Amino acid sequence: SHFSMKQNNNIEIIGRVQVIALDIDREAYEIRAPLIVKAGLVKVGGLIAYDNTLWNGALVASSNDELPKYIRYYMEYILDLNQTLAKDSRIQISQVPISDGITLCRRLI
């Protein structure tokens, strides 16, 4: 089974999968995250893994902390993704605090 997600966010599905691991452009997370569950790309009970969801610990940094420009730039995208996942009743989430953070999402419905 496989799927492809084109730039215009149209999804072509050939079968369903048990696990999807995403390490994509941070700007694309917020757009594509809901599409994966909505389109049914992963089976009920399947797992979606999002990489970099703690973003070098920057998500808990104060606005006065010195951070590299690229870290500060992507913070909003990562925060938006985390909030979107937390609000989605179709998934159960678990944050794994290793490296830059991995959020595991189990599809419930």
N, C-alpha and C. Protein backbone atom coordinates (compact mmCIF):
# COMPACT_ATOMS: atom_id res chain seq x y z
N SER A 1 0.84 -1.18 0.00
CA SER A 1 0.00 0.00 0.00
C SER A 1 0.88 1.24 0.00
N HIS A 2 0.41 2.27 -0.66
CA HIS A 2 1.13 3.54 -0.60
C HIS A 2 0.17 4.68 -0.93
N PHE A 3 0.63 5.88 -0.69
CA PHE A 3 -0.13 7.06 -1.06
C PHE A 3 0.85 8.12 -1.50
N SER A 4 0.32 9.10 -2.21
CA SER A 4 1.14 10.25 -2.55
C SER A 4 0.34 11.50 -2.26
N MET A 5 1.03 12.52 -1.78
CA MET A 5 0.39 13.78 -1.46
C MET A 5 1.05 14.84 -2.32
N LYS A 6 0.31 15.35 -3.27
CA LYS A 6 0.85 16.31 -4.20
C LYS A 6 0.89 17.70 -3.58
N GLN A 7 1.58 18.61 -4.22
CA GLN A 7 1.75 19.96 -3.66
C GLN A 7 0.44 20.68 -3.42
N ASN A 8 -0.57 20.42 -4.21
CA ASN A 8 -1.85 21.11 -4.01
C ASN A 8 -2.70 20.38 -2.97
N ASN A 9 -2.08 19.44 -2.24
CA ASN A 9 -2.71 18.70 -1.16
C ASN A 9 -3.79 17.74 -1.61
N ASN A 10 -3.87 17.43 -2.91
CA ASN A 10 -4.72 16.34 -3.36
C ASN A 10 -4.02 15.05 -3.00
N ILE A 11 -4.79 14.08 -2.54
CA ILE A 11 -4.20 12.84 -2.09
C ILE A 11 -4.66 11.70 -2.98
N GLU A 12 -3.71 10.92 -3.42
CA GLU A 12 -3.99 9.72 -4.18
C GLU A 12 -3.69 8.54 -3.27
N ILE A 13 -4.71 7.73 -2.98
CA ILE A 13 -4.55 6.63 -2.04
C ILE A 13 -4.62 5.30 -2.78
N ILE A 14 -3.65 4.47 -2.52
CA ILE A 14 -3.68 3.10 -3.02
C ILE A 14 -3.49 2.23 -1.79
N GLY A 15 -4.58 1.82 -1.16
CA GLY A 15 -4.52 1.04 0.07
C GLY A 15 -4.37 1.93 1.29
N ARG A 16 -4.36 1.30 2.46
CA ARG A 16 -4.18 2.00 3.73
C ARG A 16 -2.93 1.44 4.41
N VAL A 17 -2.33 2.23 5.28
CA VAL A 17 -1.10 1.80 5.94
C VAL A 17 -1.30 1.76 7.45
N GLN A 18 -0.42 1.07 8.15
CA GLN A 18 -0.46 0.99 9.61
C GLN A 18 0.35 2.11 10.25
N VAL A 19 1.43 2.55 9.59
CA VAL A 19 2.31 3.55 10.17
C VAL A 19 2.71 4.58 9.12
N ILE A 20 2.66 5.85 9.51
CA ILE A 20 3.16 6.94 8.68
C ILE A 20 4.13 7.74 9.55
N ALA A 21 5.31 7.99 9.05
CA ALA A 21 6.29 8.82 9.76
C ALA A 21 6.53 10.07 8.93
N LEU A 22 6.36 11.23 9.55
CA LEU A 22 6.51 12.50 8.84
C LEU A 22 7.69 13.31 9.37
N ASP A 23 8.53 13.69 8.47
CA ASP A 23 9.62 14.62 8.76
C ASP A 23 9.70 15.52 7.54
N ILE A 24 8.71 16.39 7.42
CA ILE A 24 8.56 17.22 6.22
C ILE A 24 8.82 18.68 6.56
N ASP A 25 8.73 19.53 5.55
CA ASP A 25 8.88 20.96 5.79
C ASP A 25 7.91 21.40 6.87
N ARG A 26 8.42 22.15 7.82
CA ARG A 26 7.59 22.56 8.97
C ARG A 26 6.35 23.33 8.55
N GLU A 27 6.45 24.12 7.48
CA GLU A 27 5.28 24.87 7.01
C GLU A 27 4.17 23.94 6.56
N ALA A 28 4.51 22.75 6.11
CA ALA A 28 3.54 21.81 5.56
C ALA A 28 2.83 21.00 6.64
N TYR A 29 3.39 20.91 7.83
CA TYR A 29 2.77 20.11 8.89
C TYR A 29 1.33 20.52 9.15
N GLU A 30 1.10 21.80 9.38
CA GLU A 30 -0.23 22.29 9.74
C GLU A 30 -1.25 22.00 8.65
N ILE A 31 -0.83 22.05 7.40
CA ILE A 31 -1.73 21.81 6.28
C ILE A 31 -2.00 20.32 6.10
N ARG A 32 -0.95 19.54 6.17
CA ARG A 32 -1.07 18.12 5.82
C ARG A 32 -1.48 17.22 6.98
N ALA A 33 -1.21 17.63 8.20
CA ALA A 33 -1.54 16.79 9.35
C ALA A 33 -3.02 16.39 9.37
N PRO A 34 -3.95 17.33 9.28
CA PRO A 34 -5.36 16.94 9.30
C PRO A 34 -5.77 16.09 8.09
N LEU A 35 -5.11 16.29 6.96
CA LEU A 35 -5.47 15.54 5.76
C LEU A 35 -5.18 14.06 5.90
N ILE A 36 -4.16 13.72 6.63
CA ILE A 36 -3.77 12.31 6.77
C ILE A 36 -4.87 11.51 7.46
N VAL A 37 -5.44 12.06 8.54
CA VAL A 37 -6.51 11.37 9.24
C VAL A 37 -7.81 11.48 8.45
N LYS A 38 -8.12 12.67 7.96
CA LYS A 38 -9.37 12.89 7.23
C LYS A 38 -9.47 11.99 6.01
N ALA A 39 -8.38 11.83 5.30
CA ALA A 39 -8.38 11.02 4.08
C ALA A 39 -8.32 9.52 4.39
N GLY A 40 -8.10 9.18 5.65
CA GLY A 40 -8.05 7.77 6.01
C GLY A 40 -6.80 7.06 5.52
N LEU A 41 -5.69 7.77 5.44
CA LEU A 41 -4.46 7.16 4.94
C LEU A 41 -3.92 6.08 5.87
N VAL A 42 -4.14 6.27 7.17
CA VAL A 42 -3.69 5.29 8.13
C VAL A 42 -4.92 4.57 8.69
N LYS A 43 -4.80 3.27 8.88
CA LYS A 43 -5.90 2.46 9.37
C LYS A 43 -6.26 2.85 10.81
N VAL A 44 -7.51 2.59 11.20
CA VAL A 44 -7.91 2.77 12.59
C VAL A 44 -7.00 1.87 13.43
N GLY A 45 -6.43 2.44 14.48
CA GLY A 45 -5.47 1.72 15.30
C GLY A 45 -4.04 1.93 14.82
N GLY A 46 -3.89 2.51 13.64
CA GLY A 46 -2.56 2.77 13.08
C GLY A 46 -1.89 3.97 13.74
N LEU A 47 -0.65 4.19 13.38
CA LEU A 47 0.18 5.18 14.04
C LEU A 47 0.71 6.21 13.05
N ILE A 48 0.68 7.47 13.46
CA ILE A 48 1.28 8.57 12.70
C ILE A 48 2.35 9.18 13.62
N ALA A 49 3.56 9.32 13.12
CA ALA A 49 4.65 9.88 13.91
C ALA A 49 5.10 11.19 13.27
N TYR A 50 5.13 12.24 14.07
CA TYR A 50 5.59 13.56 13.63
C TYR A 50 6.92 13.85 14.31
N ASP A 51 7.91 14.20 13.52
CA ASP A 51 9.24 14.50 14.04
C ASP A 51 9.37 15.99 14.37
N ASN A 52 10.29 16.31 15.27
CA ASN A 52 10.65 17.69 15.62
C ASN A 52 9.56 18.46 16.36
N THR A 53 8.71 17.79 17.11
CA THR A 53 7.59 18.49 17.74
C THR A 53 7.96 19.19 19.05
N LEU A 54 9.19 19.06 19.50
CA LEU A 54 9.66 19.87 20.63
C LEU A 54 10.62 20.96 20.15
N TRP A 55 11.05 20.85 18.93
CA TRP A 55 11.83 21.87 18.23
C TRP A 55 12.96 22.45 19.06
N ASN A 56 13.94 21.61 19.37
CA ASN A 56 15.13 22.02 20.12
C ASN A 56 14.81 22.62 21.49
N GLY A 57 13.68 22.28 22.04
CA GLY A 57 13.28 22.84 23.33
C GLY A 57 12.80 24.27 23.24
N ALA A 58 12.77 24.82 22.05
CA ALA A 58 12.42 26.24 21.86
C ALA A 58 10.97 26.54 22.18
N LEU A 59 10.11 25.55 22.18
CA LEU A 59 8.69 25.80 22.42
C LEU A 59 8.42 26.27 23.84
N VAL A 60 9.35 26.02 24.74
CA VAL A 60 9.20 26.49 26.12
C VAL A 60 10.12 27.66 26.42
N ALA A 61 10.81 28.15 25.42
CA ALA A 61 11.72 29.29 25.60
C ALA A 61 10.90 30.58 25.74
N SER A 62 11.46 31.52 26.48
CA SER A 62 10.79 32.81 26.60
C SER A 62 11.10 33.65 25.36
N SER A 63 10.33 34.67 25.16
CA SER A 63 10.53 35.53 23.98
C SER A 63 11.87 36.28 24.06
N ASN A 64 12.46 36.35 25.25
CA ASN A 64 13.76 37.03 25.42
C ASN A 64 14.96 36.11 25.18
N ASP A 65 14.71 34.80 25.14
CA ASP A 65 15.82 33.86 24.94
C ASP A 65 16.42 34.02 23.55
N GLU A 66 17.74 33.94 23.50
CA GLU A 66 18.42 34.02 22.20
C GLU A 66 18.33 32.66 21.52
N LEU A 67 17.75 32.66 20.35
CA LEU A 67 17.61 31.43 19.57
C LEU A 67 18.06 31.71 18.15
N PRO A 68 18.60 30.70 17.48
CA PRO A 68 18.94 30.90 16.07
C PRO A 68 17.69 31.31 15.28
N LYS A 69 17.90 32.09 14.25
CA LYS A 69 16.80 32.65 13.47
C LYS A 69 15.87 31.55 12.92
N TYR A 70 16.44 30.47 12.40
CA TYR A 70 15.59 29.42 11.82
C TYR A 70 14.75 28.71 12.88
N ILE A 71 15.27 28.61 14.10
CA ILE A 71 14.50 28.00 15.20
C ILE A 71 13.29 28.87 15.52
N ARG A 72 13.53 30.17 15.69
CA ARG A 72 12.43 31.08 16.00
C ARG A 72 11.41 31.14 14.85
N TYR A 73 11.89 31.10 13.61
CA TYR A 73 11.01 31.16 12.44
C TYR A 73 10.00 30.00 12.43
N TYR A 74 10.46 28.79 12.69
CA TYR A 74 9.58 27.61 12.60
C TYR A 74 8.78 27.34 13.86
N MET A 75 9.06 28.04 14.95
CA MET A 75 8.35 27.79 16.21
C MET A 75 6.84 27.86 16.05
N GLU A 76 6.36 28.86 15.35
CA GLU A 76 4.91 29.03 15.20
C GLU A 76 4.28 27.84 14.47
N TYR A 77 4.96 27.34 13.46
CA TYR A 77 4.44 26.18 12.72
C TYR A 77 4.35 24.95 13.62
N ILE A 78 5.36 24.73 14.42
CA ILE A 78 5.39 23.57 15.31
C ILE A 78 4.34 23.73 16.41
N LEU A 79 4.20 24.92 16.96
CA LEU A 79 3.16 25.17 17.97
C LEU A 79 1.77 24.93 17.38
N ASP A 80 1.53 25.42 16.17
CA ASP A 80 0.23 25.20 15.51
C ASP A 80 -0.05 23.72 15.30
N LEU A 81 0.96 22.98 14.87
CA LEU A 81 0.79 21.54 14.69
C LEU A 81 0.43 20.89 16.02
N ASN A 82 1.18 21.18 17.07
CA ASN A 82 0.92 20.57 18.37
C ASN A 82 -0.49 20.88 18.86
N GLN A 83 -0.94 22.11 18.67
CA GLN A 83 -2.29 22.48 19.09
C GLN A 83 -3.35 21.75 18.26
N THR A 84 -3.10 21.63 16.96
CA THR A 84 -4.02 20.92 16.09
C THR A 84 -4.15 19.46 16.51
N LEU A 85 -3.02 18.82 16.76
CA LEU A 85 -3.05 17.41 17.17
C LEU A 85 -3.74 17.25 18.52
N ALA A 86 -3.50 18.15 19.46
CA ALA A 86 -4.09 18.05 20.79
C ALA A 86 -5.61 18.18 20.75
N LYS A 87 -6.14 18.92 19.80
CA LYS A 87 -7.58 19.15 19.68
C LYS A 87 -8.31 18.09 18.86
N ASP A 88 -7.57 17.25 18.17
CA ASP A 88 -8.18 16.28 17.24
C ASP A 88 -8.68 15.05 17.99
N SER A 89 -9.99 14.90 18.10
CA SER A 89 -10.59 13.78 18.85
C SER A 89 -10.47 12.45 18.11
N ARG A 90 -10.01 12.47 16.87
CA ARG A 90 -9.88 11.23 16.10
C ARG A 90 -8.59 10.50 16.41
N ILE A 91 -7.70 11.14 17.17
CA ILE A 91 -6.42 10.54 17.49
C ILE A 91 -6.12 10.63 18.98
N GLN A 92 -5.27 9.74 19.44
CA GLN A 92 -4.73 9.78 20.79
C GLN A 92 -3.24 10.07 20.64
N ILE A 93 -2.74 11.07 21.37
CA ILE A 93 -1.34 11.46 21.17
C ILE A 93 -0.47 11.14 22.38
N SER A 94 0.80 10.95 22.08
CA SER A 94 1.82 10.74 23.11
C SER A 94 3.09 11.44 22.65
N GLN A 95 3.63 12.28 23.51
CA GLN A 95 4.86 13.01 23.20
C GLN A 95 6.06 12.20 23.69
N VAL A 96 7.00 11.93 22.81
CA VAL A 96 8.22 11.22 23.17
C VAL A 96 9.35 12.25 23.20
N PRO A 97 9.87 12.56 24.40
CA PRO A 97 10.86 13.64 24.52
C PRO A 97 12.29 13.21 24.24
N ILE A 98 12.53 12.68 23.06
CA ILE A 98 13.89 12.35 22.65
C ILE A 98 14.28 13.26 21.50
N SER A 99 15.53 13.63 21.46
CA SER A 99 16.05 14.51 20.42
C SER A 99 15.20 15.77 20.32
N ASP A 100 14.65 16.06 19.15
CA ASP A 100 13.78 17.24 18.97
C ASP A 100 12.32 16.94 19.25
N GLY A 101 12.04 15.77 19.76
CA GLY A 101 10.67 15.38 20.10
C GLY A 101 9.98 14.67 18.95
N ILE A 102 9.26 13.64 19.31
CA ILE A 102 8.43 12.90 18.36
C ILE A 102 7.05 12.80 18.97
N THR A 103 6.04 13.14 18.22
CA THR A 103 4.67 12.96 18.67
C THR A 103 4.09 11.76 17.94
N LEU A 104 3.62 10.80 18.72
CA LEU A 104 2.99 9.61 18.17
C LEU A 104 1.48 9.78 18.28
N CYS A 105 0.78 9.52 17.21
CA CYS A 105 -0.67 9.66 17.17
C CYS A 105 -1.29 8.33 16.75
N ARG A 106 -2.14 7.79 17.60
CA ARG A 106 -2.84 6.56 17.26
C ARG A 106 -4.23 6.93 16.79
N ARG A 107 -4.59 6.49 15.60
CA ARG A 107 -5.91 6.81 15.05
C ARG A 107 -6.97 6.02 15.79
N LEU A 108 -7.97 6.73 16.34
CA LEU A 108 -9.04 6.10 17.11
C LEU A 108 -10.26 5.81 16.25
N ILE A 109 -10.60 6.74 15.36
CA ILE A 109 -11.79 6.55 14.51
C ILE A 109 -11.47 6.96 13.09
